[in-house]
C-alpha atoms as a PDB file:
ATOM      1  CA  UNK A   1      18.934  -2.579   9.071  1.00  0.00           C
ATOM      2  CA  UNK A   2      16.189  -0.459   7.516  1.00  0.00           C
ATOM      3  CA  UNK A   3      13.743   1.351   9.618  1.00  0.00           C
ATOM      4  CA  UNK A   4      10.998  -0.671   7.596  1.00  0.00           C
ATOM      5  CA  UNK A   5      12.378  -3.920   8.387  1.00  0.00           C
ATOM      6  CA  UNK A   6      11.382  -3.204  11.912  1.00  0.00           C
ATOM      7  CA  UNK A   7       8.404  -0.921  11.394  1.00  0.00           C
ATOM      8  CA  UNK A   8       6.359  -3.560   8.888  1.00  0.00           C
ATOM      9  CA  UNK A   9       6.811  -6.354  10.928  1.00  0.00           C
ATOM     10  CA  UNK A  10       5.345  -4.418  13.765  1.00  0.00           C
ATOM     11  CA  UNK A  11       2.445  -3.035  11.930  1.00  0.00           C
ATOM     12  CA  UNK A  12       1.516  -6.353  10.128  1.00  0.00           C
ATOM     13  CA  UNK A  13       1.529  -7.992  13.852  1.00  0.00           C
ATOM     14  CA  UNK A  14      -0.930  -5.198  14.876  1.00  0.00           C
ATOM     15  CA  UNK A  15      -3.371  -5.382  11.705  1.00  0.00           C
ATOM     16  CA  UNK A  16      -3.404  -9.312  12.667  1.00  0.00           C
ATOM     17  CA  UNK A  17      -4.053  -8.506  16.469  1.00  0.00           C
ATOM     18  CA  UNK A  18      -6.924  -6.047  15.285  1.00  0.00           C
ATOM     19  CA  UNK A  19      -8.078  -8.519  12.614  1.00  0.00           C
ATOM     20  CA  UNK A  20      -8.266 -11.359  15.398  1.00  0.00           C
ATOM     21  CA  UNK A  21     -10.684  -9.392  17.398  1.00  0.00           C
ATOM     22  CA  UNK A  22     -12.997  -9.110  14.577  1.00  0.00           C
ATOM     23  CA  UNK A  23     -12.200  -5.849  13.265  1.00  0.00           C
ATOM     24  CA  UNK A  24     -11.952  -5.475   9.290  1.00  0.00           C
ATOM     25  CA  UNK A  25     -10.227  -2.774   7.438  1.00  0.00           C
ATOM     26  CA  UNK A  26     -12.041  -3.563   4.287  1.00  0.00           C
ATOM     27  CA  UNK A  27     -15.487  -5.551   3.485  1.00  0.00           C
ATOM     28  CA  UNK A  28     -16.176  -7.406   0.681  1.00  0.00           C
ATOM     29  CA  UNK A  29     -19.803  -7.455  -1.018  1.00  0.00           C
ATOM     30  CA  UNK A  30     -21.307  -9.364  -4.029  1.00  0.00           C
ATOM     31  CA  UNK A  31     -23.630  -6.968  -5.795  1.00  0.00           C
ATOM     32  CA  UNK A  32     -26.350  -8.530  -7.816  1.00  0.00           C
ATOM     33  CA  UNK A  33     -28.127  -5.964 -10.390  1.00  0.00           C
ATOM     34  CA  UNK A  34     -31.708  -6.891 -11.430  1.00  0.00           C
ATOM     35  CA  UNK A  35     -32.647  -4.720 -14.600  1.00  0.00           C
ATOM     36  CA  UNK A  36     -36.336  -3.294 -14.926  1.00  0.00           C
ATOM     37  CA  UNK A  37     -36.268  -3.901 -18.687  1.00  0.00           C
ATOM     38  CA  UNK A  38     -36.454  -6.759 -20.857  1.00  0.00           C
ATOM     39  CA  UNK A  39     -32.337  -6.461 -21.593  1.00  0.00           C
ATOM     40  CA  UNK A  40     -29.242  -4.976 -19.609  1.00  0.00           C
ATOM     41  CA  UNK A  41     -29.421  -1.423 -19.445  1.00  0.00           C
ATOM     42  CA  UNK A  42     -33.036  -1.044 -20.409  1.00  0.00           C
ATOM     43  CA  UNK A  43     -34.757   0.813 -17.970  1.00  0.00           C
ATOM     44  CA  UNK A  44     -38.593   0.127 -19.102  1.00  0.00           C
ATOM     45  CA  UNK A  45     -39.353   3.806 -17.981  1.00  0.00           C
ATOM     46  CA  UNK A  46     -37.984   3.617 -14.537  1.00  0.00           C
ATOM     47  CA  UNK A  47     -35.456   5.491 -12.785  1.00  0.00           C
ATOM     48  CA  UNK A  48     -32.822   4.272 -11.961  1.00  0.00           C
ATOM     49  CA  UNK A  49     -34.189   0.998 -13.835  1.00  0.00           C
ATOM     50  CA  UNK A  50     -32.051  -1.323 -11.833  1.00  0.00           C
ATOM     51  CA  UNK A  51     -31.988  -2.672  -8.175  1.00  0.00           C
ATOM     52  CA  UNK A  52     -28.996  -3.637  -6.515  1.00  0.00           C
ATOM     53  CA  UNK A  53     -28.776  -6.198  -3.779  1.00  0.00           C
ATOM     54  CA  UNK A  54     -25.630  -6.282  -1.907  1.00  0.00           C
ATOM     55  CA  UNK A  55     -24.365  -9.569   0.220  1.00  0.00           C
ATOM     56  CA  UNK A  56     -21.534  -9.294   2.148  1.00  0.00           C
ATOM     57  CA  UNK A  57     -19.108 -12.140   2.258  1.00  0.00           C
ATOM     58  CA  UNK A  58     -18.158 -13.535   5.722  1.00  0.00           C
ATOM     59  CA  UNK A  59     -15.659 -14.204   6.798  1.00  0.00           C
ATOM     60  CA  UNK A  60     -14.010 -11.368   5.125  1.00  0.00           C
ATOM     61  CA  UNK A  61     -11.099 -12.517   2.865  1.00  0.00           C
ATOM     62  CA  UNK A  62      -7.762 -11.136   2.474  1.00  0.00           C
ATOM     63  CA  UNK A  63      -7.938  -8.194   0.109  1.00  0.00           C
ATOM     64  CA  UNK A  64      -5.014  -6.370  -1.586  1.00  0.00           C
ATOM     65  CA  UNK A  65      -5.219  -3.012  -3.778  1.00  0.00           C
ATOM     66  CA  UNK A  66      -4.006  -3.491  -7.530  1.00  0.00           C
ATOM     67  CA  UNK A  67      -2.150  -1.002  -9.252  1.00  0.00           C
ATOM     68  CA  UNK A  68      -3.830   0.640 -12.280  1.00  0.00           C
ATOM     69  CA  UNK A  69      -1.537  -0.751 -14.367  1.00  0.00           C
ATOM     70  CA  UNK A  70      -2.170  -4.435 -13.089  1.00  0.00           C
ATOM     71  CA  UNK A  71      -6.001  -3.622 -13.403  1.00  0.00           C
ATOM     72  CA  UNK A  72      -5.535  -2.309 -17.135  1.00  0.00           C
ATOM     73  CA  UNK A  73      -3.456  -5.172 -18.034  1.00  0.00           C
ATOM     74  CA  UNK A  74      -5.760  -7.876 -16.732  1.00  0.00           C
ATOM     75  CA  UNK A  75      -8.531  -6.112 -18.558  1.00  0.00           C
ATOM     76  CA  UNK A  76     -10.958  -5.672 -15.680  1.00  0.00           C
ATOM     77  CA  UNK A  77     -13.586  -3.020 -16.211  1.00  0.00           C
ATOM     78  CA  UNK A  78     -14.020  -0.754 -13.279  1.00  0.00           C
ATOM     79  CA  UNK A  79     -16.433   1.743 -12.323  1.00  0.00           C
ATOM     80  CA  UNK A  80     -16.751   4.406  -9.510  1.00  0.00           C
ATOM     81  CA  UNK A  81     -16.797   3.128  -6.223  1.00  0.00           C
ATOM     82  CA  UNK A  82     -15.216  -0.420  -7.213  1.00  0.00           C
ATOM     83  CA  UNK A  83     -11.912   0.516  -5.674  1.00  0.00           C
END
């Protein structure tokens, strides 16, 4: 029996206990971006030219990290701060 067979289940139980107390390791937000101009990316002379409204999702869904390879194969576009 490997060390991970004992350690990983204990860590999972600890994270579930923390989550049951209302503490979350991650937060999930929906971002709605409204552009100032007539078209997407048109800033109509304003800086930055858009306004973001972030709305948290509650209760927080289960979140897992995707590998860079999986993101690339899924064709998902990412920006700085997405991950």
